Amino acid sequence: MRMTLTLVLLLLTCCVGANVFKTGYGLHNECNNESSKAQSYCLGFVTGVAEVLDSNAVNGYSACIPNNVNQGEVRDIVVKFLEDHPELRHYEAHVLIARALSEAFPCPKK
């Protein structure tokens, strides 16, 4: 899992412009762009944040994503969240991903 996260972050660092996913607007645009390049960026970015959430909170959000949930499902949850909440798209993309996944996959109360 750490190897996957490292590879995703390396890919994003070398291949994605610094402002592509700065906010939810950019992420929403990329995830709804039909080009394979944009779809790869979207999936990679969402997957990277999901991987971090597996062991760390992101901006106070945590998620307990079941092992049987695949990357496409995670991406779809985030895209639906962005579509349902256009008023939040001005926030940073990684925070919105964390919020969407924390709402979809809340961790059990301790």
N, C-alpha and C. Protein backbone atom coordinates (compact mmCIF):
# COMPACT_ATOMS: atom_id res chain seq x y z
N MET A 1 0.81 -1.18 0.00
CA MET A 1 0.00 0.00 0.00
C MET A 1 0.87 1.26 0.00
N ARG A 2 1.92 1.28 0.81
CA ARG A 2 2.80 2.44 0.84
C ARG A 2 3.47 2.63 -0.52
N MET A 3 3.77 1.52 -1.18
CA MET A 3 4.39 1.61 -2.51
C MET A 3 3.42 2.25 -3.49
N THR A 4 2.14 1.88 -3.40
CA THR A 4 1.13 2.47 -4.27
C THR A 4 1.03 3.97 -4.04
N LEU A 5 0.98 4.36 -2.77
CA LEU A 5 0.89 5.78 -2.43
C LEU A 5 2.11 6.53 -2.94
N THR A 6 3.27 5.96 -2.75
CA THR A 6 4.50 6.60 -3.20
C THR A 6 4.48 6.79 -4.72
N LEU A 7 4.07 5.77 -5.43
CA LEU A 7 4.01 5.86 -6.89
C LEU A 7 2.98 6.89 -7.35
N VAL A 8 1.83 6.93 -6.70
CA VAL A 8 0.80 7.89 -7.07
C VAL A 8 1.30 9.31 -6.82
N LEU A 9 1.89 9.54 -5.66
CA LEU A 9 2.38 10.88 -5.36
C LEU A 9 3.52 11.28 -6.29
N LEU A 10 4.38 10.34 -6.63
CA LEU A 10 5.46 10.62 -7.58
C LEU A 10 4.89 10.98 -8.94
N LEU A 11 3.90 10.22 -9.38
CA LEU A 11 3.25 10.50 -10.66
C LEU A 11 2.62 11.89 -10.66
N LEU A 12 1.92 12.22 -9.59
CA LEU A 12 1.29 13.53 -9.51
C LEU A 12 2.31 14.65 -9.47
N THR A 13 3.42 14.42 -8.78
CA THR A 13 4.45 15.44 -8.67
C THR A 13 5.11 15.72 -10.01
N CYS A 14 5.37 14.68 -10.77
CA CYS A 14 6.10 14.88 -12.01
C CYS A 14 5.21 15.22 -13.19
N CYS A 15 3.95 14.85 -13.12
CA CYS A 15 3.14 14.95 -14.33
C CYS A 15 1.97 15.91 -14.27
N VAL A 16 1.56 16.32 -13.10
CA VAL A 16 0.40 17.19 -12.98
C VAL A 16 0.86 18.57 -12.60
N GLY A 17 0.34 19.57 -13.28
CA GLY A 17 0.67 20.95 -12.93
C GLY A 17 0.22 21.25 -11.51
N ALA A 18 0.91 22.15 -10.85
CA ALA A 18 0.65 22.44 -9.45
C ALA A 18 -0.78 22.92 -9.20
N ASN A 19 -1.42 23.54 -10.18
CA ASN A 19 -2.74 24.10 -9.94
C ASN A 19 -3.90 23.25 -10.45
N VAL A 20 -3.62 22.09 -11.03
CA VAL A 20 -4.69 21.28 -11.60
C VAL A 20 -5.73 20.92 -10.54
N PHE A 21 -5.29 20.51 -9.36
CA PHE A 21 -6.22 20.06 -8.34
C PHE A 21 -6.21 20.97 -7.12
N LYS A 22 -5.85 22.22 -7.30
CA LYS A 22 -5.77 23.11 -6.16
C LYS A 22 -7.10 23.20 -5.42
N THR A 23 -8.19 23.24 -6.14
CA THR A 23 -9.51 23.32 -5.53
C THR A 23 -10.42 22.22 -6.09
N GLY A 24 -11.59 22.15 -5.50
CA GLY A 24 -12.59 21.21 -5.99
C GLY A 24 -13.02 21.51 -7.41
N TYR A 25 -12.94 22.78 -7.82
CA TYR A 25 -13.29 23.13 -9.20
C TYR A 25 -12.38 22.38 -10.18
N GLY A 26 -11.07 22.44 -9.92
CA GLY A 26 -10.13 21.76 -10.81
C GLY A 26 -10.32 20.27 -10.82
N LEU A 27 -10.53 19.69 -9.64
CA LEU A 27 -10.76 18.25 -9.56
C LEU A 27 -12.04 17.86 -10.28
N HIS A 28 -13.10 18.62 -10.07
CA HIS A 28 -14.38 18.34 -10.73
C HIS A 28 -14.22 18.40 -12.25
N ASN A 29 -13.50 19.41 -12.73
CA ASN A 29 -13.29 19.53 -14.17
C ASN A 29 -12.49 18.36 -14.73
N GLU A 30 -11.42 17.99 -14.05
CA GLU A 30 -10.60 16.88 -14.53
C GLU A 30 -11.37 15.56 -14.51
N CYS A 31 -12.11 15.32 -13.44
CA CYS A 31 -12.85 14.06 -13.31
C CYS A 31 -13.99 13.95 -14.31
N ASN A 32 -14.47 15.08 -14.81
CA ASN A 32 -15.54 15.07 -15.81
C ASN A 32 -15.03 15.25 -17.23
N ASN A 33 -13.73 15.40 -17.39
CA ASN A 33 -13.11 15.48 -18.71
C ASN A 33 -12.96 14.05 -19.22
N GLU A 34 -13.38 13.79 -20.44
CA GLU A 34 -13.37 12.43 -20.96
C GLU A 34 -12.02 11.95 -21.47
N SER A 35 -11.02 12.80 -21.51
CA SER A 35 -9.72 12.34 -22.01
C SER A 35 -9.11 11.34 -21.03
N SER A 36 -8.40 10.38 -21.57
CA SER A 36 -7.79 9.36 -20.71
C SER A 36 -6.77 9.97 -19.76
N LYS A 37 -6.09 11.01 -20.21
CA LYS A 37 -5.10 11.69 -19.36
C LYS A 37 -5.79 12.31 -18.14
N ALA A 38 -6.89 13.03 -18.36
CA ALA A 38 -7.62 13.66 -17.27
C ALA A 38 -8.20 12.61 -16.33
N GLN A 39 -8.74 11.54 -16.89
CA GLN A 39 -9.30 10.48 -16.05
C GLN A 39 -8.22 9.81 -15.20
N SER A 40 -7.04 9.64 -15.77
CA SER A 40 -5.92 9.06 -15.01
C SER A 40 -5.51 9.98 -13.87
N TYR A 41 -5.43 11.28 -14.15
CA TYR A 41 -5.10 12.25 -13.10
C TYR A 41 -6.13 12.20 -11.98
N CYS A 42 -7.40 12.21 -12.36
CA CYS A 42 -8.48 12.19 -11.38
C CYS A 42 -8.39 10.94 -10.51
N LEU A 43 -8.30 9.80 -11.14
CA LEU A 43 -8.25 8.53 -10.40
C LEU A 43 -7.01 8.47 -9.51
N GLY A 44 -5.88 8.92 -10.02
CA GLY A 44 -4.65 8.89 -9.25
C GLY A 44 -4.71 9.81 -8.04
N PHE A 45 -5.25 11.01 -8.22
CA PHE A 45 -5.33 11.96 -7.13
C PHE A 45 -6.28 11.47 -6.05
N VAL A 46 -7.45 11.02 -6.46
CA VAL A 46 -8.45 10.52 -5.50
C VAL A 46 -7.90 9.29 -4.77
N THR A 47 -7.28 8.39 -5.51
CA THR A 47 -6.71 7.19 -4.90
C THR A 47 -5.61 7.54 -3.91
N GLY A 48 -4.78 8.52 -4.25
CA GLY A 48 -3.72 8.94 -3.34
C GLY A 48 -4.26 9.44 -2.01
N VAL A 49 -5.28 10.27 -2.06
CA VAL A 49 -5.88 10.77 -0.82
C VAL A 49 -6.54 9.63 -0.06
N ALA A 50 -7.21 8.73 -0.78
CA ALA A 50 -7.85 7.58 -0.12
C ALA A 50 -6.81 6.71 0.59
N GLU A 51 -5.67 6.53 -0.03
CA GLU A 51 -4.59 5.74 0.58
C GLU A 51 -4.09 6.41 1.86
N VAL A 52 -3.95 7.72 1.84
CA VAL A 52 -3.52 8.44 3.04
C VAL A 52 -4.56 8.28 4.14
N LEU A 53 -5.85 8.38 3.78
CA LEU A 53 -6.93 8.25 4.76
C LEU A 53 -6.96 6.87 5.40
N ASP A 54 -6.36 5.92 4.75
CA ASP A 54 -6.34 4.55 5.29
C ASP A 54 -5.59 4.50 6.63
N SER A 55 -4.64 5.40 6.83
CA SER A 55 -3.86 5.36 8.07
C SER A 55 -3.72 6.71 8.77
N ASN A 56 -4.21 7.78 8.17
CA ASN A 56 -4.07 9.12 8.74
C ASN A 56 -5.32 9.95 8.48
N ALA A 57 -5.60 10.87 9.38
CA ALA A 57 -6.67 11.82 9.14
C ALA A 57 -6.16 12.90 8.18
N VAL A 58 -7.04 13.42 7.38
CA VAL A 58 -6.72 14.52 6.47
C VAL A 58 -7.62 15.68 6.84
N ASN A 59 -7.02 16.73 7.34
CA ASN A 59 -7.76 17.93 7.75
C ASN A 59 -8.88 17.61 8.74
N GLY A 60 -8.63 16.65 9.61
CA GLY A 60 -9.61 16.27 10.61
C GLY A 60 -10.60 15.20 10.15
N TYR A 61 -10.55 14.83 8.88
CA TYR A 61 -11.45 13.79 8.36
C TYR A 61 -10.73 12.45 8.35
N SER A 62 -11.47 11.41 8.71
CA SER A 62 -10.93 10.05 8.61
C SER A 62 -12.00 9.19 7.95
N ALA A 63 -11.56 8.12 7.33
CA ALA A 63 -12.48 7.21 6.65
C ALA A 63 -12.00 5.78 6.84
N CYS A 64 -12.94 4.88 6.93
CA CYS A 64 -12.63 3.46 7.05
C CYS A 64 -13.20 2.78 5.80
N ILE A 65 -12.43 2.82 4.74
CA ILE A 65 -12.86 2.29 3.45
C ILE A 65 -12.69 0.77 3.46
N PRO A 66 -13.77 0.03 3.23
CA PRO A 66 -13.67 -1.43 3.21
C PRO A 66 -12.73 -1.93 2.11
N ASN A 67 -12.11 -3.06 2.35
CA ASN A 67 -11.15 -3.62 1.39
C ASN A 67 -11.80 -4.00 0.06
N ASN A 68 -13.11 -4.26 0.06
CA ASN A 68 -13.76 -4.67 -1.19
C ASN A 68 -14.20 -3.50 -2.07
N VAL A 69 -13.93 -2.27 -1.65
CA VAL A 69 -14.26 -1.10 -2.45
C VAL A 69 -13.09 -0.81 -3.39
N ASN A 70 -13.38 -0.68 -4.67
CA ASN A 70 -12.29 -0.46 -5.63
C ASN A 70 -12.09 1.02 -5.93
N GLN A 71 -11.03 1.31 -6.65
CA GLN A 71 -10.66 2.70 -6.96
C GLN A 71 -11.75 3.43 -7.74
N GLY A 72 -12.38 2.74 -8.65
CA GLY A 72 -13.45 3.36 -9.44
C GLY A 72 -14.62 3.78 -8.57
N GLU A 73 -14.97 2.95 -7.60
CA GLU A 73 -16.07 3.28 -6.70
C GLU A 73 -15.71 4.51 -5.84
N VAL A 74 -14.46 4.55 -5.38
CA VAL A 74 -14.01 5.69 -4.59
C VAL A 74 -14.08 6.96 -5.43
N ARG A 75 -13.61 6.88 -6.65
CA ARG A 75 -13.68 8.03 -7.57
C ARG A 75 -15.11 8.48 -7.77
N ASP A 76 -16.02 7.52 -8.00
CA ASP A 76 -17.43 7.84 -8.23
C ASP A 76 -18.06 8.55 -7.03
N ILE A 77 -17.70 8.12 -5.83
CA ILE A 77 -18.21 8.75 -4.60
C ILE A 77 -17.76 10.21 -4.54
N VAL A 78 -16.50 10.44 -4.85
CA VAL A 78 -15.96 11.80 -4.80
C VAL A 78 -16.60 12.67 -5.87
N VAL A 79 -16.75 12.16 -7.08
CA VAL A 79 -17.37 12.94 -8.17
C VAL A 79 -18.81 13.28 -7.81
N LYS A 80 -19.55 12.32 -7.26
CA LYS A 80 -20.94 12.60 -6.85
C LYS A 80 -20.97 13.66 -5.76
N PHE A 81 -20.05 13.59 -4.81
CA PHE A 81 -19.99 14.59 -3.75
C PHE A 81 -19.76 15.98 -4.35
N LEU A 82 -18.84 16.07 -5.29
CA LEU A 82 -18.55 17.36 -5.93
C LEU A 82 -19.75 17.87 -6.72
N GLU A 83 -20.46 16.97 -7.36
CA GLU A 83 -21.64 17.37 -8.12
C GLU A 83 -22.78 17.80 -7.19
N ASP A 84 -22.91 17.12 -6.06
CA ASP A 84 -23.98 17.44 -5.10
C ASP A 84 -23.69 18.69 -4.28
N HIS A 85 -22.43 19.10 -4.22
CA HIS A 85 -22.03 20.23 -3.37
C HIS A 85 -21.19 21.26 -4.15
N PRO A 86 -21.77 21.88 -5.17
CA PRO A 86 -21.00 22.88 -5.92
C PRO A 86 -20.57 24.06 -5.05
N GLU A 87 -21.31 24.31 -3.99
CA GLU A 87 -20.97 25.43 -3.11
C GLU A 87 -19.69 25.20 -2.31
N LEU A 88 -19.18 23.97 -2.32
CA LEU A 88 -17.96 23.64 -1.59
C LEU A 88 -16.72 23.55 -2.48
N ARG A 89 -16.90 23.64 -3.78
CA ARG A 89 -15.79 23.40 -4.70
C ARG A 89 -14.64 24.38 -4.60
N HIS A 90 -14.82 25.48 -3.92
CA HIS A 90 -13.73 26.43 -3.76
C HIS A 90 -12.71 25.97 -2.72
N TYR A 91 -13.05 24.93 -1.95
CA TYR A 91 -12.11 24.39 -0.97
C TYR A 91 -11.05 23.54 -1.66
N GLU A 92 -9.97 23.27 -0.94
CA GLU A 92 -8.88 22.46 -1.50
C GLU A 92 -9.39 21.06 -1.84
N ALA A 93 -8.92 20.56 -2.95
CA ALA A 93 -9.40 19.28 -3.47
C ALA A 93 -9.17 18.13 -2.50
N HIS A 94 -8.00 18.06 -1.89
CA HIS A 94 -7.73 16.92 -0.99
C HIS A 94 -8.66 16.93 0.23
N VAL A 95 -9.06 18.12 0.68
CA VAL A 95 -9.98 18.22 1.81
C VAL A 95 -11.37 17.73 1.40
N LEU A 96 -11.80 18.08 0.20
CA LEU A 96 -13.11 17.63 -0.28
C LEU A 96 -13.15 16.13 -0.49
N ILE A 97 -12.07 15.57 -0.98
CA ILE A 97 -11.99 14.11 -1.14
C ILE A 97 -12.11 13.45 0.23
N ALA A 98 -11.36 13.97 1.20
CA ALA A 98 -11.39 13.40 2.55
C ALA A 98 -12.79 13.49 3.14
N ARG A 99 -13.44 14.63 2.95
CA ARG A 99 -14.79 14.79 3.49
C ARG A 99 -15.77 13.82 2.82
N ALA A 100 -15.70 13.72 1.51
CA ALA A 100 -16.61 12.81 0.78
C ALA A 100 -16.44 11.38 1.25
N LEU A 101 -15.20 10.95 1.40
CA LEU A 101 -14.95 9.57 1.80
C LEU A 101 -15.27 9.33 3.27
N SER A 102 -15.09 10.35 4.10
CA SER A 102 -15.43 10.19 5.52
C SER A 102 -16.95 10.08 5.70
N GLU A 103 -17.70 10.77 4.86
CA GLU A 103 -19.15 10.67 4.93
C GLU A 103 -19.65 9.35 4.38
N ALA A 104 -19.00 8.87 3.34
CA ALA A 104 -19.41 7.59 2.72
C ALA A 104 -18.97 6.39 3.54
N PHE A 105 -17.81 6.51 4.20
CA PHE A 105 -17.25 5.39 4.96
C PHE A 105 -16.83 5.84 6.36
N PRO A 106 -17.79 6.18 7.19
CA PRO A 106 -17.41 6.63 8.54
C PRO A 106 -16.76 5.50 9.35
N CYS A 107 -15.82 5.88 10.17
CA CYS A 107 -15.18 4.90 11.05
C CYS A 107 -16.08 4.66 12.24
N PRO A 108 -16.05 3.43 12.77
CA PRO A 108 -16.87 3.14 13.95
C PRO A 108 -16.42 4.00 15.13
N LYS A 109 -17.37 4.39 15.95
CA LYS A 109 -17.06 5.16 17.15
C LYS A 109 -16.32 4.25 18.12
N LYS A 110 -15.33 4.84 18.79
CA LYS A 110 -14.55 4.04 19.76
C LYS A 110 -15.14 4.16 21.13
